[in-house]
């Protein structure tokens, strides 16, 4: 059975492998690029695991999927967190693994922030549906948010409020 765990710097080699696979196979889905991160030293990936909460779906020795979380910087934004870097290897899709990873991030985030935000490429209908089923609300679209290899992509902005307001009408 696949177990969801919080990755540590000890998991750095397999985290780097899955992160680079995600960037290589789904280049439009992420803010970074394979070309950029393939040049990073292993220590950069270890730092990411130390500074952020990155959850992994582990099946034996294989890392089947990942999803990350960080609290936004600065005193005026520290009540908000970000779900980032969500990726499930193709062999594990349609197994509810993505849902389990997002649920792990939500449970962790609930202890640290009042609002969990994410961006997802507008064309990724399956991911948008997953996030909506878990309570995220779309609150905006950033047109031409990314340009890669000559193509523009729109980002959908989504949020899950842990307090009694909504992203449109936060609790005051």
N, C-alpha and C. Protein backbone atom coordinates (compact mmCIF):
# COMPACT_ATOMS: atom_id res chain seq x y z
N UNK A 1 0.84 -1.19 0.00
CA UNK A 1 0.00 0.00 0.00
C UNK A 1 0.88 1.25 0.00
N UNK A 2 0.43 2.25 -0.66
CA UNK A 2 1.15 3.51 -0.75
C UNK A 2 0.89 4.34 0.50
N UNK A 3 1.97 4.81 1.11
CA UNK A 3 1.90 5.58 2.34
C UNK A 3 2.25 7.03 2.05
N UNK A 4 1.53 7.96 2.68
CA UNK A 4 1.83 9.38 2.56
C UNK A 4 2.70 9.79 3.75
N UNK A 5 3.88 10.33 3.45
CA UNK A 5 4.80 10.75 4.50
C UNK A 5 5.29 12.16 4.20
N UNK A 6 5.80 12.81 5.23
CA UNK A 6 6.48 14.09 5.01
C UNK A 6 7.93 13.77 4.68
N UNK A 7 8.39 14.28 3.56
CA UNK A 7 9.76 14.01 3.13
C UNK A 7 10.74 14.83 3.97
N UNK A 8 11.93 14.29 4.13
CA UNK A 8 13.00 14.96 4.86
C UNK A 8 14.20 15.08 3.92
N UNK A 9 15.21 15.83 4.31
CA UNK A 9 16.41 15.90 3.47
C UNK A 9 17.03 14.53 3.16
N UNK A 10 16.75 13.53 3.97
CA UNK A 10 17.24 12.18 3.67
C UNK A 10 16.61 11.60 2.40
N UNK A 11 15.46 12.16 1.99
CA UNK A 11 14.75 11.69 0.79
C UNK A 11 15.16 12.47 -0.46
N UNK A 12 16.22 13.24 -0.36
CA UNK A 12 16.55 14.21 -1.40
C UNK A 12 16.76 13.58 -2.78
N UNK A 13 17.42 12.45 -2.89
CA UNK A 13 17.70 11.86 -4.20
C UNK A 13 16.42 11.48 -4.93
N UNK A 14 15.53 10.81 -4.23
CA UNK A 14 14.29 10.42 -4.92
C UNK A 14 13.36 11.61 -5.12
N UNK A 15 13.43 12.62 -4.24
CA UNK A 15 12.64 13.83 -4.47
C UNK A 15 13.14 14.55 -5.73
N UNK A 16 14.45 14.69 -5.86
CA UNK A 16 15.01 15.34 -7.05
C UNK A 16 14.56 14.59 -8.30
N UNK A 17 14.60 13.26 -8.27
CA UNK A 17 14.22 12.45 -9.44
C UNK A 17 12.77 12.73 -9.85
N UNK A 18 11.85 12.71 -8.90
CA UNK A 18 10.44 12.90 -9.26
C UNK A 18 10.17 14.36 -9.66
N UNK A 19 10.83 15.29 -9.01
CA UNK A 19 10.65 16.71 -9.37
C UNK A 19 11.12 16.95 -10.80
N UNK A 20 12.28 16.43 -11.16
CA UNK A 20 12.77 16.61 -12.53
C UNK A 20 11.89 15.88 -13.54
N UNK A 21 11.38 14.70 -13.17
CA UNK A 21 10.44 14.00 -14.05
C UNK A 21 9.19 14.84 -14.29
N UNK A 22 8.67 15.44 -13.23
CA UNK A 22 7.47 16.27 -13.35
C UNK A 22 7.73 17.45 -14.29
N UNK A 23 8.85 18.11 -14.11
CA UNK A 23 9.17 19.27 -14.94
C UNK A 23 9.43 18.87 -16.39
N UNK A 24 10.00 17.69 -16.61
CA UNK A 24 10.30 17.21 -17.96
C UNK A 24 9.04 16.75 -18.69
N UNK A 25 8.17 16.01 -17.98
CA UNK A 25 7.00 15.41 -18.64
C UNK A 25 5.78 16.31 -18.66
N UNK A 26 5.68 17.26 -17.74
CA UNK A 26 4.54 18.18 -17.66
C UNK A 26 5.05 19.62 -17.60
N UNK A 27 5.79 20.05 -18.62
CA UNK A 27 6.48 21.35 -18.53
C UNK A 27 5.56 22.55 -18.36
N UNK A 28 4.35 22.47 -18.83
CA UNK A 28 3.44 23.61 -18.73
C UNK A 28 2.76 23.73 -17.37
N UNK A 29 2.85 22.69 -16.56
CA UNK A 29 2.11 22.66 -15.31
C UNK A 29 2.83 23.34 -14.14
N UNK A 30 4.07 23.73 -14.32
CA UNK A 30 4.86 24.23 -13.20
C UNK A 30 5.47 25.59 -13.53
N UNK A 31 5.74 26.35 -12.50
CA UNK A 31 6.34 27.67 -12.69
C UNK A 31 7.81 27.61 -13.02
N UNK A 32 8.46 26.53 -12.67
CA UNK A 32 9.88 26.36 -12.97
C UNK A 32 10.02 25.51 -14.23
N UNK A 33 11.26 25.26 -14.62
CA UNK A 33 11.51 24.44 -15.81
C UNK A 33 12.52 23.34 -15.50
N UNK A 34 12.47 22.31 -16.30
CA UNK A 34 13.44 21.22 -16.18
C UNK A 34 14.85 21.75 -16.37
N UNK A 35 15.03 22.60 -17.38
CA UNK A 35 16.35 23.12 -17.71
C UNK A 35 16.96 23.88 -16.52
N UNK A 36 16.12 24.62 -15.81
CA UNK A 36 16.59 25.38 -14.65
C UNK A 36 16.95 24.45 -13.50
N UNK A 37 16.02 23.59 -13.11
CA UNK A 37 16.23 22.78 -11.91
C UNK A 37 17.21 21.62 -12.12
N UNK A 38 17.40 21.18 -13.36
CA UNK A 38 18.38 20.12 -13.62
C UNK A 38 19.80 20.61 -13.30
N UNK A 39 19.98 21.92 -13.31
CA UNK A 39 21.29 22.50 -12.99
C UNK A 39 21.50 22.70 -11.49
N UNK A 40 20.44 22.59 -10.70
CA UNK A 40 20.57 22.79 -9.25
C UNK A 40 21.39 21.67 -8.64
N UNK A 41 22.23 22.00 -7.68
CA UNK A 41 22.92 20.94 -6.94
C UNK A 41 21.92 20.20 -6.04
N UNK A 42 22.28 19.01 -5.64
CA UNK A 42 21.42 18.21 -4.77
C UNK A 42 21.10 18.97 -3.49
N UNK A 43 22.03 19.78 -3.02
CA UNK A 43 21.83 20.55 -1.80
C UNK A 43 20.65 21.52 -1.92
N UNK A 44 20.36 22.01 -3.10
CA UNK A 44 19.22 22.91 -3.29
C UNK A 44 17.90 22.17 -3.05
N UNK A 45 17.83 20.94 -3.50
CA UNK A 45 16.64 20.13 -3.27
C UNK A 45 16.51 19.77 -1.78
N UNK A 46 17.64 19.50 -1.15
CA UNK A 46 17.63 19.19 0.29
C UNK A 46 17.15 20.41 1.08
N UNK A 47 17.58 21.60 0.68
CA UNK A 47 17.13 22.82 1.34
C UNK A 47 15.63 22.99 1.20
N UNK A 48 15.11 22.70 0.02
CA UNK A 48 13.67 22.81 -0.20
C UNK A 48 12.92 21.89 0.75
N UNK A 49 13.42 20.67 0.92
CA UNK A 49 12.76 19.71 1.82
C UNK A 49 12.87 20.15 3.27
N UNK A 50 13.93 20.85 3.62
CA UNK A 50 14.11 21.32 4.99
C UNK A 50 13.25 22.55 5.27
N UNK A 51 13.04 23.40 4.26
CA UNK A 51 12.33 24.67 4.46
C UNK A 51 10.83 24.59 4.23
N UNK A 52 10.39 23.63 3.46
CA UNK A 52 8.97 23.48 3.13
C UNK A 52 8.47 22.14 3.64
N UNK A 53 7.17 22.02 3.73
CA UNK A 53 6.57 20.71 4.03
C UNK A 53 6.25 20.06 2.69
N UNK A 54 7.01 19.03 2.34
CA UNK A 54 6.77 18.32 1.09
C UNK A 54 6.33 16.91 1.46
N UNK A 55 5.17 16.54 0.96
CA UNK A 55 4.62 15.23 1.25
C UNK A 55 4.84 14.33 0.05
N UNK A 56 5.16 13.07 0.35
CA UNK A 56 5.40 12.11 -0.71
C UNK A 56 4.53 10.89 -0.53
N UNK A 57 4.12 10.34 -1.65
CA UNK A 57 3.40 9.07 -1.66
C UNK A 57 4.44 7.99 -1.95
N UNK A 58 4.70 7.16 -0.97
CA UNK A 58 5.77 6.17 -1.07
C UNK A 58 5.16 4.79 -1.27
N UNK A 59 5.63 4.12 -2.30
CA UNK A 59 5.21 2.75 -2.59
C UNK A 59 6.48 1.92 -2.65
N UNK A 60 6.79 1.22 -1.56
CA UNK A 60 8.06 0.52 -1.47
C UNK A 60 9.18 1.55 -1.42
N UNK A 61 10.12 1.45 -2.33
CA UNK A 61 11.21 2.43 -2.42
C UNK A 61 10.90 3.55 -3.39
N UNK A 62 9.78 3.43 -4.10
CA UNK A 62 9.45 4.42 -5.14
C UNK A 62 8.62 5.57 -4.57
N UNK A 63 8.95 6.75 -5.02
CA UNK A 63 8.16 7.94 -4.72
C UNK A 63 7.16 8.10 -5.86
N UNK A 64 5.89 7.85 -5.58
CA UNK A 64 4.86 7.83 -6.61
C UNK A 64 4.25 9.20 -6.88
N UNK A 65 4.36 10.11 -5.92
CA UNK A 65 3.81 11.44 -6.09
C UNK A 65 4.28 12.36 -4.99
N UNK A 66 4.14 13.67 -5.22
CA UNK A 66 4.56 14.67 -4.25
C UNK A 66 3.61 15.87 -4.28
N UNK A 67 3.57 16.58 -3.18
CA UNK A 67 2.86 17.86 -3.09
C UNK A 67 3.51 18.65 -1.96
N UNK A 68 3.71 19.94 -2.19
CA UNK A 68 4.40 20.77 -1.22
C UNK A 68 3.52 21.85 -0.62
N UNK A 69 4.02 22.42 0.48
CA UNK A 69 3.33 23.50 1.19
C UNK A 69 4.37 24.44 1.79
N UNK A 70 4.07 25.73 1.71
CA UNK A 70 4.86 26.70 2.46
C UNK A 70 3.95 27.83 2.92
N UNK A 71 4.36 28.47 3.99
CA UNK A 71 3.67 29.65 4.51
C UNK A 71 4.26 30.85 3.78
N UNK A 72 3.38 31.76 3.35
CA UNK A 72 3.86 32.94 2.64
C UNK A 72 4.72 33.81 3.55
N UNK A 73 5.67 34.49 2.96
CA UNK A 73 6.63 35.30 3.70
C UNK A 73 6.04 36.63 4.14
N UNK A 74 6.55 37.13 5.24
CA UNK A 74 6.19 38.46 5.71
C UNK A 74 5.03 38.45 6.67
N UNK A 75 5.02 39.40 7.59
CA UNK A 75 3.98 39.42 8.63
C UNK A 75 2.57 39.68 8.09
N UNK A 76 2.45 40.36 6.96
CA UNK A 76 1.11 40.64 6.42
C UNK A 76 0.54 39.49 5.60
N UNK A 77 1.38 38.50 5.29
CA UNK A 77 0.92 37.38 4.45
C UNK A 77 1.08 36.02 5.13
N UNK A 78 1.56 36.01 6.35
CA UNK A 78 1.84 34.75 7.04
C UNK A 78 0.58 33.97 7.42
N UNK A 79 -0.59 34.54 7.23
CA UNK A 79 -1.84 33.81 7.49
C UNK A 79 -2.24 32.95 6.28
N UNK A 80 -1.45 33.05 5.19
CA UNK A 80 -1.74 32.33 3.96
C UNK A 80 -0.63 31.34 3.64
N UNK A 81 -1.04 30.21 3.13
CA UNK A 81 -0.08 29.20 2.68
C UNK A 81 -0.32 28.86 1.22
N UNK A 82 0.63 28.15 0.64
CA UNK A 82 0.54 27.79 -0.77
C UNK A 82 0.76 26.28 -0.93
N UNK A 83 -0.12 25.65 -1.67
CA UNK A 83 0.06 24.28 -2.12
C UNK A 83 0.78 24.37 -3.46
N UNK A 84 1.91 23.69 -3.60
CA UNK A 84 2.70 23.80 -4.83
C UNK A 84 3.31 22.45 -5.19
N UNK A 85 3.77 22.34 -6.42
CA UNK A 85 4.55 21.19 -6.85
C UNK A 85 3.83 19.87 -6.88
N UNK A 86 2.51 19.89 -7.04
CA UNK A 86 1.72 18.65 -7.04
C UNK A 86 2.01 17.85 -8.31
N UNK A 87 2.37 16.58 -8.10
CA UNK A 87 2.65 15.70 -9.24
C UNK A 87 2.47 14.25 -8.81
N UNK A 88 1.80 13.48 -9.66
CA UNK A 88 1.65 12.04 -9.45
C UNK A 88 2.14 11.35 -10.72
N UNK A 89 3.02 10.39 -10.54
CA UNK A 89 3.53 9.66 -11.70
C UNK A 89 2.37 8.99 -12.44
N UNK A 90 2.46 8.93 -13.77
CA UNK A 90 1.35 8.38 -14.58
C UNK A 90 0.84 7.01 -14.14
N UNK A 91 1.72 6.13 -13.73
CA UNK A 91 1.30 4.78 -13.32
C UNK A 91 0.39 4.79 -12.10
N UNK A 92 0.39 5.90 -11.35
CA UNK A 92 -0.40 5.97 -10.12
C UNK A 92 -1.61 6.89 -10.24
N UNK A 93 -1.83 7.44 -11.41
CA UNK A 93 -3.00 8.30 -11.58
C UNK A 93 -4.26 7.44 -11.58
N UNK A 94 -5.37 8.04 -11.25
CA UNK A 94 -6.65 7.33 -11.13
C UNK A 94 -6.64 6.31 -10.00
N UNK A 95 -5.82 6.56 -8.97
CA UNK A 95 -5.78 5.67 -7.81
C UNK A 95 -6.12 6.42 -6.53
N UNK A 96 -6.55 7.68 -6.65
CA UNK A 96 -6.87 8.57 -5.54
C UNK A 96 -5.62 9.04 -4.79
N UNK A 97 -4.47 8.79 -5.36
CA UNK A 97 -3.22 9.20 -4.73
C UNK A 97 -3.09 10.72 -4.71
N UNK A 98 -3.48 11.38 -5.79
CA UNK A 98 -3.45 12.84 -5.82
C UNK A 98 -4.32 13.42 -4.73
N UNK A 99 -5.49 12.86 -4.58
CA UNK A 99 -6.41 13.31 -3.52
C UNK A 99 -5.77 13.15 -2.14
N UNK A 100 -5.15 12.01 -1.91
CA UNK A 100 -4.52 11.76 -0.60
C UNK A 100 -3.37 12.74 -0.33
N UNK A 101 -2.61 13.07 -1.36
CA UNK A 101 -1.53 14.03 -1.19
C UNK A 101 -2.08 15.42 -0.85
N UNK A 102 -3.11 15.85 -1.58
CA UNK A 102 -3.70 17.17 -1.30
C UNK A 102 -4.32 17.17 0.09
N UNK A 103 -4.97 16.09 0.49
CA UNK A 103 -5.54 16.02 1.83
C UNK A 103 -4.45 16.14 2.90
N UNK A 104 -3.28 15.54 2.65
CA UNK A 104 -2.17 15.65 3.60
C UNK A 104 -1.71 17.10 3.71
N UNK A 105 -1.63 17.78 2.59
CA UNK A 105 -1.25 19.20 2.61
C UNK A 105 -2.31 20.01 3.35
N UNK A 106 -3.58 19.75 3.07
CA UNK A 106 -4.67 20.49 3.73
C UNK A 106 -4.59 20.31 5.24
N UNK A 107 -4.43 19.08 5.70
CA UNK A 107 -4.37 18.83 7.14
C UNK A 107 -3.18 19.53 7.79
N UNK A 108 -2.06 19.53 7.11
CA UNK A 108 -0.89 20.23 7.63
C UNK A 108 -1.13 21.74 7.63
N UNK A 109 -1.63 22.24 6.52
CA UNK A 109 -1.86 23.69 6.37
C UNK A 109 -2.84 24.22 7.40
N UNK A 110 -3.87 23.45 7.68
CA UNK A 110 -4.91 23.84 8.65
C UNK A 110 -4.30 24.20 10.01
N UNK A 111 -3.17 23.61 10.35
CA UNK A 111 -2.51 23.86 11.63
C UNK A 111 -1.62 25.11 11.60
N UNK A 112 -1.41 25.68 10.39
CA UNK A 112 -0.44 26.76 10.26
C UNK A 112 -0.97 28.05 9.64
N UNK A 113 -2.05 27.95 8.85
CA UNK A 113 -2.55 29.13 8.14
C UNK A 113 -4.07 29.17 8.17
N UNK A 114 -4.61 30.31 7.77
CA UNK A 114 -6.06 30.49 7.70
C UNK A 114 -6.59 30.26 6.29
N UNK A 115 -5.70 30.38 5.29
CA UNK A 115 -6.11 30.28 3.89
C UNK A 115 -5.03 29.53 3.12
N UNK A 116 -5.44 28.53 2.35
CA UNK A 116 -4.52 27.77 1.52
C UNK A 116 -4.81 28.11 0.06
N UNK A 117 -3.78 28.59 -0.63
CA UNK A 117 -3.94 29.00 -2.02
C UNK A 117 -3.14 28.10 -2.95
N UNK A 118 -3.52 28.11 -4.21
CA UNK A 118 -2.78 27.40 -5.25
C UNK A 118 -3.06 28.04 -6.59
N UNK A 119 -2.21 27.77 -7.53
CA UNK A 119 -2.49 28.11 -8.92
C UNK A 119 -2.39 26.81 -9.72
N UNK A 120 -3.26 26.70 -10.70
CA UNK A 120 -3.27 25.52 -11.56
C UNK A 120 -3.49 26.02 -12.99
N UNK A 121 -2.80 25.41 -13.92
CA UNK A 121 -2.95 25.81 -15.31
C UNK A 121 -4.39 25.56 -15.74
N UNK A 122 -4.96 26.52 -16.43
CA UNK A 122 -6.39 26.47 -16.78
C UNK A 122 -6.76 25.21 -17.56
N UNK A 123 -5.85 24.71 -18.37
CA UNK A 123 -6.13 23.53 -19.20
C UNK A 123 -6.18 22.23 -18.39
N UNK A 124 -5.72 22.23 -17.16
CA UNK A 124 -5.67 21.01 -16.35
C UNK A 124 -7.01 20.81 -15.64
N UNK A 125 -7.97 20.36 -16.41
CA UNK A 125 -9.34 20.21 -15.91
C UNK A 125 -9.42 19.17 -14.79
N UNK A 126 -8.69 18.08 -14.91
CA UNK A 126 -8.73 17.04 -13.88
C UNK A 126 -8.24 17.58 -12.54
N UNK A 127 -7.16 18.33 -12.55
CA UNK A 127 -6.65 18.90 -11.30
C UNK A 127 -7.63 19.91 -10.73
N UNK A 128 -8.21 20.74 -11.57
CA UNK A 128 -9.17 21.73 -11.09
C UNK A 128 -10.36 21.04 -10.43
N UNK A 129 -10.83 19.96 -11.01
CA UNK A 129 -11.95 19.21 -10.43
C UNK A 129 -11.57 18.62 -9.08
N UNK A 130 -10.37 18.06 -9.00
CA UNK A 130 -9.89 17.49 -7.74
C UNK A 130 -9.89 18.57 -6.66
N UNK A 131 -9.30 19.71 -6.95
CA UNK A 131 -9.23 20.78 -5.96
C UNK A 131 -10.63 21.26 -5.56
N UNK A 132 -11.52 21.37 -6.52
CA UNK A 132 -12.89 21.79 -6.20
C UNK A 132 -13.58 20.77 -5.30
N UNK A 133 -13.39 19.49 -5.56
CA UNK A 133 -14.01 18.45 -4.72
C UNK A 133 -13.49 18.51 -3.29
N UNK A 134 -12.28 19.03 -3.12
CA UNK A 134 -11.70 19.13 -1.78
C UNK A 134 -11.98 20.48 -1.13
N UNK A 135 -12.81 21.29 -1.76
CA UNK A 135 -13.27 22.53 -1.15
C UNK A 135 -12.62 23.81 -1.65
N UNK A 136 -11.67 23.72 -2.56
CA UNK A 136 -11.06 24.92 -3.10
C UNK A 136 -12.04 25.66 -3.99
N UNK A 137 -11.98 26.99 -3.95
CA UNK A 137 -12.85 27.86 -4.75
C UNK A 137 -11.99 28.63 -5.73
N UNK A 138 -12.42 28.68 -6.97
CA UNK A 138 -11.73 29.50 -7.97
C UNK A 138 -12.09 30.96 -7.71
N UNK A 139 -11.07 31.82 -7.62
CA UNK A 139 -11.36 33.22 -7.36
C UNK A 139 -10.73 34.15 -8.39
N UNK A 140 -10.12 33.61 -9.40
CA UNK A 140 -9.57 34.46 -10.45
C UNK A 140 -8.81 33.68 -11.49
N UNK A 141 -8.55 34.36 -12.58
CA UNK A 141 -7.73 33.80 -13.65
C UNK A 141 -6.67 34.83 -14.00
N UNK A 142 -5.44 34.40 -14.05
CA UNK A 142 -4.36 35.26 -14.50
C UNK A 142 -4.07 34.87 -15.95
N UNK A 143 -4.48 35.75 -16.86
CA UNK A 143 -4.28 35.50 -18.30
C UNK A 143 -2.79 35.59 -18.63
N UNK A 144 -2.35 34.71 -19.51
CA UNK A 144 -0.96 34.70 -19.95
C UNK A 144 0.01 34.70 -18.77
N UNK A 145 -0.30 33.93 -17.75
CA UNK A 145 0.50 33.90 -16.53
C UNK A 145 1.90 33.35 -16.77
N UNK A 146 2.02 32.44 -17.71
CA UNK A 146 3.31 31.84 -18.01
C UNK A 146 3.50 31.76 -19.52
N UNK A 147 4.73 31.88 -19.93
CA UNK A 147 5.08 31.71 -21.34
C UNK A 147 6.29 30.80 -21.40
N UNK A 148 6.12 29.68 -22.08
CA UNK A 148 7.18 28.70 -22.17
C UNK A 148 7.19 28.13 -23.57
N UNK A 149 8.37 28.14 -24.18
CA UNK A 149 8.52 27.63 -25.54
C UNK A 149 7.54 28.28 -26.50
N UNK A 150 7.34 29.58 -26.32
CA UNK A 150 6.50 30.34 -27.23
C UNK A 150 5.01 30.25 -27.00
N UNK A 151 4.58 29.52 -25.98
CA UNK A 151 3.14 29.36 -25.71
C UNK A 151 2.79 30.02 -24.38
N UNK A 152 1.67 30.74 -24.38
CA UNK A 152 1.15 31.33 -23.14
C UNK A 152 0.18 30.36 -22.49
N UNK A 153 0.10 30.46 -21.15
CA UNK A 153 -0.85 29.64 -20.40
C UNK A 153 -1.49 30.50 -19.33
N UNK A 154 -2.79 30.30 -19.15
CA UNK A 154 -3.52 30.99 -18.09
C UNK A 154 -3.45 30.16 -16.82
N UNK A 155 -3.36 30.85 -15.69
CA UNK A 155 -3.41 30.19 -14.39
C UNK A 155 -4.75 30.49 -13.72
N UNK A 156 -5.33 29.47 -13.12
CA UNK A 156 -6.53 29.62 -12.32
C UNK A 156 -6.08 29.73 -10.87
N UNK A 157 -6.56 30.75 -10.18
CA UNK A 157 -6.24 30.98 -8.77
C UNK A 157 -7.34 30.33 -7.94
N UNK A 158 -6.93 29.53 -6.96
CA UNK A 158 -7.89 28.82 -6.13
C UNK A 158 -7.48 28.96 -4.67
N UNK A 159 -8.47 28.88 -3.77
CA UNK A 159 -8.18 28.99 -2.35
C UNK A 159 -9.16 28.15 -1.54
N UNK A 160 -8.68 27.72 -0.39
CA UNK A 160 -9.48 27.00 0.58
C UNK A 160 -9.34 27.74 1.90
N UNK A 161 -10.45 28.28 2.38
CA UNK A 161 -10.44 29.04 3.63
C UNK A 161 -10.71 28.11 4.80
N UNK A 162 -9.90 28.22 5.84
CA UNK A 162 -10.09 27.42 7.04
C UNK A 162 -10.92 28.16 8.08
N UNK A 163 -11.04 29.47 7.93
CA UNK A 163 -11.90 30.25 8.81
C UNK A 163 -13.28 30.29 8.20
N UNK A 164 -14.20 30.95 8.86
CA UNK A 164 -15.57 30.98 8.37
C UNK A 164 -15.73 31.95 7.20
N UNK A 165 -14.95 32.58 6.60
CA UNK A 165 -15.22 33.38 5.40
C UNK A 165 -14.95 32.57 4.16
N UNK A 166 -15.04 33.20 3.02
CA UNK A 166 -14.65 32.59 1.76
C UNK A 166 -13.55 33.46 1.18
N UNK A 167 -12.85 32.97 0.15
CA UNK A 167 -11.84 33.83 -0.46
C UNK A 167 -12.43 35.14 -1.00
N UNK A 168 -13.70 35.11 -1.42
CA UNK A 168 -14.34 36.30 -1.94
C UNK A 168 -14.71 37.26 -0.80
N UNK A 169 -15.10 36.71 0.36
CA UNK A 169 -15.51 37.53 1.50
C UNK A 169 -14.86 36.96 2.77
N UNK A 170 -13.60 37.32 2.99
CA UNK A 170 -12.92 36.78 4.16
C UNK A 170 -13.54 37.25 5.47
N UNK A 171 -13.30 36.46 6.50
CA UNK A 171 -13.75 36.85 7.84
C UNK A 171 -12.97 38.06 8.27
N UNK A 172 -13.65 39.01 8.88
CA UNK A 172 -12.97 40.22 9.34
C UNK A 172 -13.11 40.33 10.84
